[in-house]
Every structure is written in structure tokens, then in C-alpha cells.
Protein backbone atom coordinates (compact mmCIF):
# COMPACT_ATOMS: atom_id res chain seq x y z
CA MET A 1 4.18 -10.14 -28.95
CA LYS A 2 6.21 -6.69 -28.20
CA HIS A 3 9.22 -6.74 -25.48
CA VAL A 4 8.39 -3.87 -23.02
CA ALA A 5 11.87 -3.64 -21.05
CA PHE A 6 11.88 -1.51 -17.33
CA PHE A 7 14.69 -0.04 -16.62
CA GLU A 8 14.48 0.06 -12.78
CA PRO A 9 16.97 0.91 -9.44
CA ARG A 10 18.97 -1.67 -7.96
CA TYR A 11 17.55 -3.80 -5.40
CA LEU A 12 19.23 -2.98 -1.86
CA PRO A 13 19.33 -5.22 0.64
CA ASP A 14 19.78 -2.84 3.36
CA ALA A 15 16.37 -1.06 2.40
CA PRO A 16 13.87 -3.96 2.51
CA ASN A 17 11.11 -1.17 2.98
CA VAL A 18 12.10 0.73 -0.10
CA TRP A 19 12.03 -3.02 -1.64
CA ARG A 20 8.41 -3.80 0.11
CA VAL A 21 7.10 -0.98 -1.75
CA GLN A 22 8.49 -1.18 -5.01
CA GLY A 23 8.07 -5.10 -5.27
CA GLY A 24 5.36 -5.49 -3.31
CA SER A 25 2.62 -3.12 -4.87
CA ARG A 26 4.24 -0.15 -6.56
CA TYR A 27 4.90 -3.05 -9.61
CA PRO A 28 2.24 -5.04 -9.69
CA SER A 29 -0.02 -1.85 -9.47
CA ILE A 30 1.72 -0.81 -12.81
CA LEU A 31 2.17 -3.64 -14.43
CA GLY A 32 -1.66 -5.06 -14.02
CA ASP A 33 -2.25 -7.39 -17.17
CA LEU A 34 0.80 -6.33 -19.35
CA HIS A 35 2.36 -9.94 -19.28
CA GLN A 36 -1.19 -10.29 -21.50
CA HIS A 37 0.37 -8.31 -24.11
CA ALA A 38 4.21 -8.00 -23.91
CA ARG A 39 6.93 -10.16 -22.78
CA ILE A 40 8.61 -8.26 -19.56
CA THR A 41 12.14 -7.85 -18.89
CA LEU A 42 12.34 -5.92 -15.61
CA LEU A 43 16.80 -4.12 -15.27
CA MET A 44 18.30 -4.01 -12.18
CA SER A 45 21.94 -3.87 -11.52
CA GLY A 46 21.27 -5.61 -8.38
CA LEU A 47 18.52 -8.00 -8.20
CA PRO A 48 16.37 -8.68 -5.71
CA PRO A 49 17.33 -12.90 -4.36
CA LYS A 50 15.21 -16.09 -6.07
CA ASP A 51 13.16 -16.98 -3.62
CA ASP A 52 12.55 -13.36 -2.82
CA PRO A 53 8.04 -13.55 -2.48
CA HIS A 54 8.19 -10.23 -3.86
CA ARG A 55 10.04 -11.69 -6.60
CA CYS A 56 8.33 -14.85 -7.38
CA ARG A 57 4.94 -13.40 -7.56
CA LEU A 58 6.52 -10.89 -10.21
CA GLU A 59 7.26 -13.40 -12.08
CA GLN A 60 4.49 -16.66 -11.27
CA GLN A 61 1.45 -13.60 -11.49
CA PHE A 62 2.63 -10.31 -13.62
CA GLY A 63 5.66 -12.74 -16.64
CA VAL A 64 8.48 -11.00 -15.03
CA ALA A 65 11.22 -11.82 -16.07
CA PHE A 66 14.49 -10.49 -14.30
CA ALA A 67 18.05 -9.50 -15.50
CA ARG A 68 21.07 -8.12 -14.83
CA LEU A 69 21.84 -5.06 -15.93
CA GLU A 70 25.72 -4.05 -15.84
CA SER A 71 25.72 -0.21 -15.60
CA ILE A 72 27.05 2.43 -12.83
CA ASP A 73 23.84 3.32 -11.10
CA ASP A 74 24.63 6.85 -11.16
CA ALA A 75 22.21 9.80 -12.49
CA ARG A 76 25.26 12.81 -11.43
CA GLU A 77 26.20 14.76 -15.16
CA ALA A 78 29.56 12.88 -14.69
CA ALA A 79 28.32 9.93 -15.34
CA LEU A 80 26.10 10.34 -17.87
CA PRO A 81 27.73 9.30 -20.79
CA THR A 82 29.17 6.04 -19.29
CA MET A 83 25.30 4.92 -17.89
CA THR A 84 24.36 5.50 -21.62
CA ALA A 85 26.98 3.56 -23.42
CA ASP A 86 25.57 0.91 -20.48
CA TYR A 87 22.09 0.97 -21.41
CA ARG A 88 23.17 1.08 -25.13
CA ASP A 89 24.89 -2.66 -24.54
CA ALA A 90 21.69 -3.75 -22.55
CA ILE A 91 19.25 -2.57 -25.41
CA ALA A 92 21.33 -4.20 -28.00
CA GLU A 93 21.52 -7.88 -26.10
CA ARG A 94 17.89 -7.94 -24.62
CA ALA A 95 16.26 -6.41 -28.05
CA PRO A 96 13.28 -4.66 -26.28
CA ASP A 97 10.73 -3.08 -28.75
CA VAL A 98 9.89 -0.46 -26.24
CA VAL A 99 12.12 0.55 -23.23
CA SER A 100 10.81 2.95 -19.99
CA THR A 101 10.77 2.56 -15.89
CA LEU A 102 8.30 1.83 -13.82
CA ASN A 103 9.92 3.42 -10.70
CA GLY A 104 9.66 6.98 -10.95
CA ARG A 105 13.42 7.85 -11.77
CA MET A 106 15.10 11.39 -12.12
CA ILE A 107 16.02 13.55 -14.99
CA GLY A 108 19.28 11.90 -15.39
CA TYR A 109 18.30 8.14 -16.09
CA ASN A 110 15.50 9.18 -18.33
CA PHE A 111 18.10 11.36 -20.30
CA ALA A 112 20.53 8.44 -20.15
CA LEU A 113 17.58 5.84 -21.17
CA ALA A 114 16.41 8.05 -23.51
CA ARG A 115 19.45 8.62 -25.64
CA ALA A 116 20.30 4.98 -25.51
CA ALA A 117 16.71 4.49 -27.20
CA ARG A 118 17.56 6.64 -29.93
CA ALA A 119 20.30 4.94 -30.69
CA GLU A 120 19.68 1.50 -30.47
CA GLY A 121 16.54 2.87 -32.58
CA VAL A 122 13.63 1.25 -30.16
CA ASP A 123 10.93 3.14 -28.38
CA TYR A 124 11.27 4.89 -25.48
CA VAL A 125 8.35 6.16 -22.78
CA TYR A 126 9.16 8.26 -20.76
CA ARG A 127 6.68 7.80 -17.13
CA LEU A 128 6.82 11.15 -15.13
CA ALA A 129 5.97 10.46 -11.86
CA GLY A 130 6.12 13.98 -9.74
CA ASN A 131 8.47 16.69 -10.60
CA ASP A 132 11.81 15.93 -10.03
CA LEU A 133 13.36 19.80 -11.39
CA ALA A 134 10.49 21.03 -7.92
CA SER A 135 11.55 18.47 -6.10
CA ARG A 136 15.70 19.20 -5.53
CA GLY A 137 14.36 23.42 -5.18
CA ALA A 138 12.65 21.94 -2.12
CA VAL A 139 15.63 20.43 -0.85
CA ALA A 140 18.21 23.24 -1.76
CA GLU A 141 15.79 25.47 -0.29
CA ALA A 142 15.69 23.42 2.92
CA GLU A 143 19.55 23.13 2.40
CA GLY A 144 20.08 26.77 2.14
CA ARG A 145 21.57 26.16 -1.30
CA PRO A 146 20.87 27.36 -4.68
CA PHE A 147 19.20 25.83 -7.51
CA TYR A 148 16.83 27.99 -9.92
CA GLY A 149 19.04 30.18 -12.00
CA THR A 150 22.38 27.96 -11.84
CA ALA A 151 24.36 25.49 -14.29
CA LEU A 152 22.67 22.25 -12.84
CA TYR A 153 19.41 23.79 -13.11
CA ALA A 154 19.68 24.28 -16.57
CA GLY A 155 20.88 21.56 -17.06
CA LEU A 156 18.41 19.85 -15.67
CA ALA A 157 15.62 20.96 -17.73
CA ALA A 158 17.57 20.70 -20.85
CA GLN A 159 17.79 16.77 -20.50
CA ASP A 160 13.90 16.83 -19.12
CA ARG A 161 12.80 18.31 -22.48
CA TYR A 162 15.17 16.21 -24.43
CA ALA A 163 13.77 13.42 -22.72
CA MET A 164 10.18 14.36 -22.76
CA GLU A 165 11.17 15.12 -26.92
CA ALA A 166 12.80 11.66 -27.62
CA ALA A 167 9.93 10.07 -25.80
CA ARG A 168 7.06 7.87 -27.91
CA THR A 169 4.68 9.12 -25.41
CA VAL A 170 4.84 10.56 -22.01
CA ILE A 171 2.41 9.21 -19.05
CA ALA A 172 1.35 11.47 -16.96
CA MET A 173 0.37 10.72 -13.47
CA GLY A 174 -3.03 13.32 -13.32
CA GLU A 175 -4.19 16.44 -15.05
CA GLY A 176 -1.36 18.29 -13.34
CA GLU A 177 1.65 17.06 -13.99
CA ARG A 178 0.00 16.76 -17.61
CA LEU A 179 -0.23 20.48 -18.05
CA ARG A 180 3.83 20.79 -16.49
CA ALA A 181 4.65 18.78 -19.45
CA ALA A 182 2.90 20.19 -22.64
CA PRO A 183 5.20 23.65 -22.83
CA ILE A 184 8.29 21.08 -22.67
CA VAL A 185 6.90 19.11 -25.66
CA SER A 186 6.24 20.66 -29.12
CA ASP A 187 3.47 17.66 -29.63
CA PRO A 188 1.57 17.80 -26.46
CA ASP A 189 -0.97 15.56 -27.58
CA LYS A 190 1.69 12.58 -27.06
CA ILE A 191 1.08 12.85 -23.50
CA ALA A 192 -1.31 10.59 -21.73
CA VAL A 193 -2.19 10.79 -18.09
CA CYS A 194 -2.00 7.00 -16.34
CA ARG A 195 -2.99 6.31 -13.01
CA ARG A 196 -1.98 3.80 -11.27
CA GLY A 197 -4.50 1.13 -10.18
CA VAL A 198 -5.88 -0.02 -6.93
CA ASP A 199 -6.62 -3.40 -5.81
CA LEU A 200 -10.54 -2.45 -4.41
CA ASP A 201 -10.70 -5.84 -2.83
CA HIS A 202 -7.43 -4.90 -0.33
CA PHE A 203 -8.21 -1.20 -0.15
CA ALA A 204 -12.01 -1.86 1.04
CA PRO A 205 -14.29 0.99 3.45
CA ALA A 206 -14.83 0.80 6.70
CA GLU A 207 -18.42 -1.01 7.53
CA THR A 208 -18.67 1.88 10.08
CA ALA A 209 -18.19 5.52 9.24
CA PRO A 210 -16.72 7.65 11.42
CA GLU A 211 -19.38 10.21 13.43
CA ARG A 212 -17.15 13.30 12.69
CA CYS A 213 -13.86 14.03 11.20
CA ASP A 214 -10.84 13.74 14.05
CA ARG A 215 -8.31 11.93 12.85
CA PHE A 216 -6.14 12.86 9.89
CA LEU A 217 -3.37 10.94 8.36
CA PHE A 218 0.40 11.62 6.37
CA VAL A 219 1.48 9.30 4.40
CA GLY A 220 5.08 9.92 2.50
CA ARG A 221 8.30 9.66 2.61
CA ASP A 222 10.76 12.07 4.78
CA SER A 223 12.01 14.85 2.13
CA ALA A 224 12.02 18.03 1.57
CA GLU A 225 9.14 19.09 -0.54
CA LYS A 226 7.09 16.64 1.59
CA GLY A 227 6.13 19.72 3.94
CA ILE A 228 6.01 17.51 6.67
CA GLU A 229 7.64 20.65 8.91
CA LEU A 230 4.61 22.78 7.26
CA LEU A 231 2.45 20.03 8.18
CA GLU A 232 3.43 19.77 11.96
CA ARG A 233 2.87 23.17 12.36
CA ALA A 234 -0.79 22.90 10.25
CA ALA A 235 -1.36 19.96 13.39
CA ASP A 236 -0.58 22.07 15.98
CA LEU A 237 -2.94 24.96 14.76
CA ALA A 238 -5.94 23.15 14.25
CA ALA A 239 -5.05 21.21 17.64
CA ARG A 240 -5.24 24.07 19.38
CA LEU A 241 -8.66 24.84 17.55
CA ARG A 242 -10.28 21.58 18.28
CA PRO A 243 -8.63 19.52 21.26
CA ALA A 244 -10.02 16.43 19.25
CA ILE A 245 -7.64 16.87 16.28
CA SER A 246 -4.99 14.42 15.71
CA VAL A 247 -2.31 14.15 12.87
CA SER A 248 -0.38 10.56 12.35
CA PHE A 249 2.88 10.88 9.80
CA ALA A 250 3.15 7.70 8.41
CA GLY A 251 6.45 6.93 6.57
CA ASP A 252 10.19 6.33 7.28
CA LEU A 253 10.22 8.76 10.46
CA ALA A 254 10.93 7.46 13.78
CA PRO A 255 7.95 6.36 15.52
CA ARG A 256 7.35 8.22 18.32
CA ASP A 257 4.59 10.49 19.73
CA ALA A 258 3.81 13.85 20.59
CA PRO A 259 0.74 15.77 21.68
CA GLN A 260 -1.74 15.17 19.20
CA ARG A 261 0.85 14.50 16.97
CA HIS A 262 1.31 10.35 15.92
CA TYR A 263 4.85 8.84 14.74
CA PRO A 264 3.89 5.23 13.69
CA GLY A 265 6.56 4.74 11.61
CA PHE A 266 6.95 2.70 8.31
CA VAL A 267 3.92 0.91 7.24
CA GLY A 268 3.49 -2.16 4.84
CA TYR A 269 1.29 -2.73 1.98
CA ASP A 270 -0.61 -5.14 4.08
CA ASP A 271 -1.75 -2.88 6.56
CA LEU A 272 -1.98 -0.14 4.92
CA PRO A 273 -6.23 -0.32 4.91
CA ARG A 274 -6.42 -0.75 8.24
CA LEU A 275 -4.93 2.62 8.93
CA TYR A 276 -6.51 4.42 6.45
CA ARG A 277 -9.62 2.77 7.79
CA GLU A 278 -8.16 4.30 11.25
CA HIS A 279 -8.30 7.44 10.29
CA HIS A 280 -11.13 9.78 9.19
CA ALA A 281 -9.24 11.68 6.34
CA LEU A 282 -5.60 12.26 4.29
CA VAL A 283 -3.94 15.33 3.95
CA LEU A 284 -1.35 16.37 2.20
CA ALA A 285 1.19 19.30 1.83
CA ALA A 286 4.43 18.68 -0.63
CA SER A 287 4.86 21.60 -2.68
CA SER A 288 5.84 18.72 -5.76
CA GLU A 289 3.93 15.93 -6.49
CA GLY A 290 1.84 13.63 -9.27
CA PHE A 291 -0.48 12.37 -8.27
CA PRO A 292 0.06 9.90 -5.39
CA GLN A 293 -0.74 6.69 -5.40
CA VAL A 294 -1.77 7.10 -1.20
CA VAL A 295 -4.15 9.69 -2.48
CA MET A 296 -6.28 6.96 -4.57
CA GLU A 297 -5.56 3.92 -1.88
CA ALA A 298 -7.45 6.29 0.67
CA MET A 299 -9.95 7.22 -1.80
CA ALA A 300 -10.82 3.31 -1.98
CA CYS A 301 -11.20 3.58 1.55
CA GLY A 302 -13.98 6.02 1.81
CA ARG A 303 -11.52 8.52 2.77
CA PRO A 304 -11.65 12.09 1.24
CA ALA A 305 -8.26 13.94 1.06
CA ILE A 306 -6.74 17.72 1.95
CA LEU A 307 -4.82 18.64 -1.16
CA PRO A 308 -2.40 21.63 -2.15
CA ARG A 309 -4.45 23.78 -4.90
CA ALA A 310 -1.58 24.56 -6.89
CA LEU A 311 -1.19 20.91 -7.54
CA PHE A 312 -4.79 19.28 -7.80
CA ALA A 313 -6.74 22.07 -8.90
CA GLN A 314 -7.11 19.95 -12.33
CA ASP A 315 -7.28 16.65 -10.77
CA PHE A 316 -9.70 17.74 -8.63
CA PRO A 317 -11.76 20.67 -10.31
CA THR A 318 -15.48 20.35 -8.49
CA GLU A 319 -13.76 19.57 -4.95
CA ASP A 320 -16.09 16.83 -4.42
CA ALA A 321 -14.05 14.81 -2.93
CA ALA A 322 -11.20 16.15 -1.61
CA LEU A 323 -10.80 19.65 -0.36
CA LEU A 324 -7.98 22.03 -1.92
CA VAL A 325 -5.88 24.47 0.43
CA ASP A 326 -3.33 27.00 0.01
CA LEU A 327 -0.18 26.36 0.56
CA ASP A 328 0.52 27.31 4.10
CA ALA A 329 -0.45 26.24 7.82
CA GLU A 330 -2.96 28.20 8.74
CA ALA A 331 -4.73 27.31 5.32
CA ILE A 332 -4.25 23.57 6.04
CA ALA A 333 -5.25 23.85 9.75
CA GLU A 334 -8.54 26.00 8.47
CA GLY A 335 -9.54 23.07 6.07
CA MET A 336 -8.75 20.23 9.03
CA VAL A 337 -11.22 22.13 11.22
CA ALA A 338 -13.46 23.39 8.55
CA LEU A 339 -13.92 18.92 7.93
CA HIS A 340 -13.93 18.30 12.14
CA ASP A 341 -17.04 21.06 12.46
CA ASP A 342 -19.49 19.90 9.27
CA PRO A 343 -19.88 15.82 9.42
CA ALA A 344 -22.30 15.98 6.43
CA ARG A 345 -20.32 17.62 3.95
CA HIS A 346 -17.78 15.48 5.54
CA ALA A 347 -19.90 12.21 4.82
CA ALA A 348 -20.35 13.72 1.43
CA MET A 349 -16.29 13.61 0.28
CA ARG A 350 -16.16 10.14 1.68
CA GLU A 351 -19.51 8.97 -0.87
CA ALA A 352 -17.54 10.81 -3.53
CA ALA A 353 -14.27 9.92 -3.16
CA LEU A 354 -15.49 6.04 -2.87
CA ALA A 355 -17.30 6.50 -6.48
CA ARG A 356 -13.62 7.61 -7.77
């Protein structure tokens, strides 16, 4: 039986919501039945307590062995040689056949792991989870800093190319992500699209369907590339055109309320199905994404989505379950109004979402 080692972010006791997402939903949905085919080790520089319920579930139901990773946790360029050496030591000690990550990680971590794997003669699998370069660019733009064309950008792009080229397999979460990665590697055939699973018993549709699409939902973290301010402007525009329209913003945003905008704060995995069912469609406005898990979860609950055309045209070419729009407030607002005004179209998209 093969031995697969995943190099993961350290457990942060002062950030319980992060671990609730990772250990409670993300890791189980990615691991699936892998334990039936391979021995699994999760290496972390800080481990969750032995009695943590998510750790216990991963150990008992998914065959995970937790092990401490003696390494710095710093993806900045100056720290990469040290982190690479630490990763090499861990690989030599644990002797895995394959190394990879479960959590989407910044380029520096993947670069260090790719170098360590090559040096130790083991297979490395690069799991893409969004466009780190584009995300950094969005943050820099929001902060008024240059990024594209800088030495930092050039260095990160070179590290990304190295990691992809060194990988035995590159896993993309969606077709758009696969197309982005294809020109970077010499062998595009080694890129595989593999989305995370969804528990269809947990994420199930409501017994009754909404008569009209009034309540829209964003789920995600408060980061510049997620386009929250853009979506807030779109929500205000849509509400002025159709006062019945409202948008909820769930995630690590401070709970509050504004006219036609609601901020419930962080919503845990157990309560996500209820959140989806209480709304009528998902809406995202990100400038950089892989294939968000929230899209699959919402669609499993019978909720279609409004998504940026530039990111999702390859994944929803017929727009059966998702309405694709340009990334500006007016276009997003028009999309919300269009679904609100056409109950038959919304009903058809609900059925298409469930069918996916």
C-alpha cells in the first residue's frame, strides 16, 4: 500500500474557525476513501489536541495519522532554503511514496515541497486551489502597491513554474484553472481536473422551492480578490431596482445589517445547508478563484449561481446552472434582477443545479 504524506498548515488554537473548516469539512471531502488505497499522514508544525473532535474523526473514519512537522512555517523567499531542508528531513524520516497538500497553499510552500520531493526521489503532486499570483495582485492593488512587473512577481512565477514542472501530477479544481496551468508546463496532459466531493445527505434541497429569486448569498472570506466591495455595490444597485432583493454576506466579516444587506458572520459546516436553503441563489464576484466548494454545496441544495464569466466560462459553457456576468457592479446587479424577474428561468436553473 502506498504511503501519502500531506504537508499542511499548522493548527492555530486562537483561530478555531480555520480548523473547523479544514478539519471539519475540507479534509474529509478531499480524502474520501483514499485510506482504502493508501496510508495517510498529515504533517503539521502545530497539531490539534488529541481529543479534538475533527482530529478524532479524521483518524477514525479516514485513516489519518497525525505527525508533527519540525519546520518553520514561512513561505517568504528568504526562508525557503530552510523550509526545503526541513521538508527533506521529514520526507527522509517518514519515507512516503507521494507528497502533496490538502489545503490550498501559497506558491512558496509548494516550491519548497517540490524541491524537497525531487531531492529525496519521491513523487510530488501539486494541488492547485486558486491563482495565488492573481490573489496577491488583487491584494496589492487594494493596498496601492505594485505587484505585476516587480521582482517579487517574477520570483513567484518562477517558483510556480518549477513546482508544476516538478510535479508528477497537477490537480486543478476546475476547467478554468486547468487552462491557466496548461501553458506553464511542458506536458499539459499531466493536469487533471478533480473537484472536491459534496455530502449529498448533508447538502440537500429544501422540500419546497421559492416562488421568486429574492435572496442572494455570498459565502467566503474577507479578502481583496473575493470582490466583496464590488458585490456590495451590486447589491445596492439591485435593491434600488427591485426593493425585494437582498444579499447576505457569510464568512469572516463582522456581523451587522444594512438596508438589503445582511452579515451573519461565520457559519459553520453543520449550518451551511440551512444557510443555502434560506437563500435562492449564490453570487460570487471574485477576480481570482479555483472552483469554489461553495458553488458545489449551493447547487447540491438546488441553488443556482451568478458567477464571473472570466473565471467560469469553461465550467458552465451552457449557463444552465449558473448565470455568467462581467465583473462589474452593474452587470452583477442586472444578473440578480434577471433571475428575480424570471421565475421560470430560476426554476430551470434550480433543476440544472441539482442535476450537476
